[in-house]
Amino acid sequence: MANYWLDLNEMPCDVAAMLEAATSIDELTSLYLSTKDKRVFNKLCDLLTLMATKLVDWVKIKHIEREDAIQECLIVALEKIERFDSSRGKAFNFFTTIMLNNLRSVYRKNKRYVDFFEAA
């Protein structure tokens, strides 16, 4: 009897097939929440990293390093993944909203910090 949670090279056939077929963040999020498989999680992280990179490049926040902003977005998205409910909307919209709200919050905090030290 194989211990799939210990041996990452062995994977049930149905999960492996579903992982290959999953192409969107919505499909990967649903698959991860139902299986909690490490490979699904890794693929989801790759897509979320790409999404965070595109958002940070689009927003162009001053006073924050690009890589730091990407990491902030990714950390927040991974912390909130368990809260996703597919009956309330798409995973893409869920993660985009979370990341944009986090970028706004980080921008506000850094703007106050920079304004405080520029005034001094």
C-alpha atoms as a PDB file:
ATOM      1  CA  MET A   1       0.000   0.000   0.000  1.00  0.00           C
ATOM      2  CA  ALA A   2       1.529   3.298  -1.089  1.00  0.00           C
ATOM      3  CA  ASN A   3       1.558   6.376   1.125  1.00  0.00           C
ATOM      4  CA  TYR A   4       0.844   9.105  -1.411  1.00  0.00           C
ATOM      5  CA  TRP A   5       1.286  11.937   1.063  1.00  0.00           C
ATOM      6  CA  LEU A   6       4.847  10.747   1.746  1.00  0.00           C
ATOM      7  CA  ASP A   7       5.949   9.747  -1.749  1.00  0.00           C
ATOM      8  CA  LEU A   8       5.518  12.731  -4.049  1.00  0.00           C
ATOM      9  CA  ASN A   9       6.645  10.753  -7.110  1.00  0.00           C
ATOM     10  CA  GLU A  10       3.653   8.454  -6.826  1.00  0.00           C
ATOM     11  CA  MET A  11       0.310   9.988  -7.465  1.00  0.00           C
ATOM     12  CA  PRO A  12      -3.153   8.522  -7.943  1.00  0.00           C
ATOM     13  CA  CYS A  13      -3.919   8.288 -11.660  1.00  0.00           C
ATOM     14  CA  ASP A  14      -7.060  10.398 -11.490  1.00  0.00           C
ATOM     15  CA  VAL A  15      -5.254  13.309  -9.769  1.00  0.00           C
ATOM     16  CA  ALA A  16      -2.385  13.147 -12.256  1.00  0.00           C
ATOM     17  CA  ALA A  17      -4.815  13.201 -15.169  1.00  0.00           C
ATOM     18  CA  MET A  18      -6.791  16.087 -13.677  1.00  0.00           C
ATOM     19  CA  LEU A  19      -3.558  18.023 -13.046  1.00  0.00           C
ATOM     20  CA  GLU A  20      -2.559  17.634 -16.694  1.00  0.00           C
ATOM     21  CA  ALA A  21      -6.012  18.754 -17.858  1.00  0.00           C
ATOM     22  CA  ALA A  22      -6.246  21.756 -15.503  1.00  0.00           C
ATOM     23  CA  THR A  23      -5.166  24.918 -17.267  1.00  0.00           C
ATOM     24  CA  SER A  24      -6.858  27.776 -15.443  1.00  0.00           C
ATOM     25  CA  ILE A  25      -6.548  29.179 -11.943  1.00  0.00           C
ATOM     26  CA  ASP A  26     -10.192  28.260 -11.357  1.00  0.00           C
ATOM     27  CA  GLU A  27      -9.626  24.596 -12.221  1.00  0.00           C
ATOM     28  CA  LEU A  28      -6.382  24.362 -10.231  1.00  0.00           C
ATOM     29  CA  THR A  29      -7.903  26.013  -7.173  1.00  0.00           C
ATOM     30  CA  SER A  30     -10.859  23.624  -7.169  1.00  0.00           C
ATOM     31  CA  LEU A  31      -8.543  20.654  -7.699  1.00  0.00           C
ATOM     32  CA  TYR A  32      -6.217  21.757  -4.892  1.00  0.00           C
ATOM     33  CA  LEU A  33      -9.035  22.356  -2.431  1.00  0.00           C
ATOM     34  CA  SER A  34     -10.440  18.895  -3.116  1.00  0.00           C
ATOM     35  CA  THR A  35      -7.146  16.934  -3.119  1.00  0.00           C
ATOM     36  CA  LYS A  36      -4.580  19.033  -1.169  1.00  0.00           C
ATOM     37  CA  ASP A  37      -1.935  17.598  -3.503  1.00  0.00           C
ATOM     38  CA  LYS A  38       1.563  19.190  -3.484  1.00  0.00           C
ATOM     39  CA  ARG A  39       1.976  19.104  -7.261  1.00  0.00           C
ATOM     40  CA  VAL A  40      -1.331  20.862  -7.792  1.00  0.00           C
ATOM     41  CA  PHE A  41      -0.273  23.425  -5.190  1.00  0.00           C
ATOM     42  CA  ASN A  42       3.061  24.003  -6.973  1.00  0.00           C
ATOM     43  CA  LYS A  43       1.358  24.529 -10.329  1.00  0.00           C
ATOM     44  CA  LEU A  44      -1.155  26.879  -8.709  1.00  0.00           C
ATOM     45  CA  CYS A  45       1.720  28.827  -7.112  1.00  0.00           C
ATOM     46  CA  ASP A  46       3.352  29.222 -10.529  1.00  0.00           C
ATOM     47  CA  LEU A  47       0.158  30.697 -11.982  1.00  0.00           C
ATOM     48  CA  LEU A  48      -0.392  32.952  -8.959  1.00  0.00           C
ATOM     49  CA  THR A  49       3.206  34.207  -9.224  1.00  0.00           C
ATOM     50  CA  LEU A  50       2.619  35.072 -12.865  1.00  0.00           C
ATOM     51  CA  MET A  51      -0.628  36.835 -11.941  1.00  0.00           C
ATOM     52  CA  ALA A  52       1.081  38.797  -9.142  1.00  0.00           C
ATOM     53  CA  THR A  53       3.900  39.825 -11.493  1.00  0.00           C
ATOM     54  CA  LYS A  54       1.445  41.110 -14.110  1.00  0.00           C
ATOM     55  CA  LEU A  55      -0.559  43.035 -11.477  1.00  0.00           C
ATOM     56  CA  VAL A  56       2.513  44.646  -9.912  1.00  0.00           C
ATOM     57  CA  ASP A  57       3.833  45.661 -13.331  1.00  0.00           C
ATOM     58  CA  TRP A  58       0.435  47.102 -14.222  1.00  0.00           C
ATOM     59  CA  VAL A  59      -0.046  49.046 -10.967  1.00  0.00           C
ATOM     60  CA  LYS A  60       3.525  50.499 -10.812  1.00  0.00           C
ATOM     61  CA  ILE A  61       3.644  51.451  -7.142  1.00  0.00           C
ATOM     62  CA  LYS A  62       6.206  54.052  -6.070  1.00  0.00           C
ATOM     63  CA  HIS A  63       8.444  53.556  -3.027  1.00  0.00           C
ATOM     64  CA  ILE A  64       8.055  49.749  -3.080  1.00  0.00           C
ATOM     65  CA  GLU A  65      10.485  47.305  -4.657  1.00  0.00           C
ATOM     66  CA  ARG A  66       8.916  45.255  -7.445  1.00  0.00           C
ATOM     67  CA  GLU A  67      10.022  41.889  -6.033  1.00  0.00           C
ATOM     68  CA  ASP A  68       8.767  42.788  -2.552  1.00  0.00           C
ATOM     69  CA  ALA A  69       5.354  43.717  -3.940  1.00  0.00           C
ATOM     70  CA  ILE A  70       5.174  40.430  -5.881  1.00  0.00           C
ATOM     71  CA  GLN A  71       6.051  38.452  -2.749  1.00  0.00           C
ATOM     72  CA  GLU A  72       3.469  40.355  -0.697  1.00  0.00           C
ATOM     73  CA  CYS A  73       0.761  39.537  -3.259  1.00  0.00           C
ATOM     74  CA  LEU A  74       1.710  35.875  -3.403  1.00  0.00           C
ATOM     75  CA  ILE A  75       1.827  35.461   0.368  1.00  0.00           C
ATOM     76  CA  VAL A  76      -1.604  37.048   0.816  1.00  0.00           C
ATOM     77  CA  ALA A  77      -3.103  34.911  -1.973  1.00  0.00           C
ATOM     78  CA  LEU A  78      -1.685  31.700  -0.484  1.00  0.00           C
ATOM     79  CA  GLU A  79      -2.929  32.612   2.989  1.00  0.00           C
ATOM     80  CA  LYS A  80      -6.465  33.150   1.668  1.00  0.00           C
ATOM     81  CA  ILE A  81      -6.682  30.111  -0.631  1.00  0.00           C
ATOM     82  CA  GLU A  82      -8.692  28.104   1.899  1.00  0.00           C
ATOM     83  CA  ARG A  83     -11.345  30.840   2.016  1.00  0.00           C
ATOM     84  CA  PHE A  84     -12.206  30.522  -1.665  1.00  0.00           C
ATOM     85  CA  ASP A  85     -15.795  29.427  -2.320  1.00  0.00           C
ATOM     86  CA  SER A  86     -16.560  28.520  -5.932  1.00  0.00           C
ATOM     87  CA  SER A  87     -20.272  29.189  -5.427  1.00  0.00           C
ATOM     88  CA  ARG A  88     -19.486  32.887  -4.842  1.00  0.00           C
ATOM     89  CA  GLY A  89     -17.443  33.507  -7.997  1.00  0.00           C
ATOM     90  CA  LYS A  90     -14.355  32.701 -10.015  1.00  0.00           C
ATOM     91  CA  ALA A  91     -10.955  32.040  -8.449  1.00  0.00           C
ATOM     92  CA  PHE A  92      -9.324  34.475 -10.872  1.00  0.00           C
ATOM     93  CA  ASN A  93     -11.508  37.339  -9.609  1.00  0.00           C
ATOM     94  CA  PHE A  94     -10.997  36.243  -5.995  1.00  0.00           C
ATOM     95  CA  PHE A  95      -7.188  36.279  -6.245  1.00  0.00           C
ATOM     96  CA  THR A  96      -7.091  39.486  -8.316  1.00  0.00           C
ATOM     97  CA  THR A  97      -9.188  41.326  -5.730  1.00  0.00           C
ATOM     98  CA  ILE A  98      -7.061  40.023  -2.857  1.00  0.00           C
ATOM     99  CA  MET A  99      -3.816  41.047  -4.547  1.00  0.00           C
ATOM    100  CA  LEU A 100      -5.046  44.509  -5.579  1.00  0.00           C
ATOM    101  CA  ASN A 101      -6.413  45.211  -2.099  1.00  0.00           C
ATOM    102  CA  ASN A 102      -3.076  44.159  -0.620  1.00  0.00           C
ATOM    103  CA  LEU A 103      -1.163  46.430  -3.016  1.00  0.00           C
ATOM    104  CA  ARG A 104      -3.414  49.352  -2.045  1.00  0.00           C
ATOM    105  CA  SER A 105      -2.805  48.669   1.637  1.00  0.00           C
ATOM    106  CA  VAL A 106       0.967  48.387   1.199  1.00  0.00           C
ATOM    107  CA  TYR A 107       0.988  51.598  -0.865  1.00  0.00           C
ATOM    108  CA  ARG A 108      -0.938  53.513   1.823  1.00  0.00           C
ATOM    109  CA  LYS A 109       1.394  52.324   4.577  1.00  0.00           C
ATOM    110  CA  ASN A 110       4.533  53.155   2.604  1.00  0.00           C
ATOM    111  CA  LYS A 111       3.180  56.528   1.488  1.00  0.00           C
ATOM    112  CA  ARG A 112       2.531  57.529   5.109  1.00  0.00           C
ATOM    113  CA  TYR A 113       6.027  56.321   6.064  1.00  0.00           C
ATOM    114  CA  VAL A 114       7.733  58.219   3.217  1.00  0.00           C
ATOM    115  CA  ASP A 115       5.643  61.367   3.823  1.00  0.00           C
ATOM    116  CA  PHE A 116       6.526  61.272   7.529  1.00  0.00           C
ATOM    117  CA  PHE A 117      10.279  61.113   6.916  1.00  0.00           C
ATOM    118  CA  GLU A 118      10.224  63.653   4.056  1.00  0.00           C
ATOM    119  CA  ALA A 119       8.441  66.136   6.343  1.00  0.00           C
ATOM    120  CA  ALA A 120      11.023  65.698   9.100  1.00  0.00           C
END
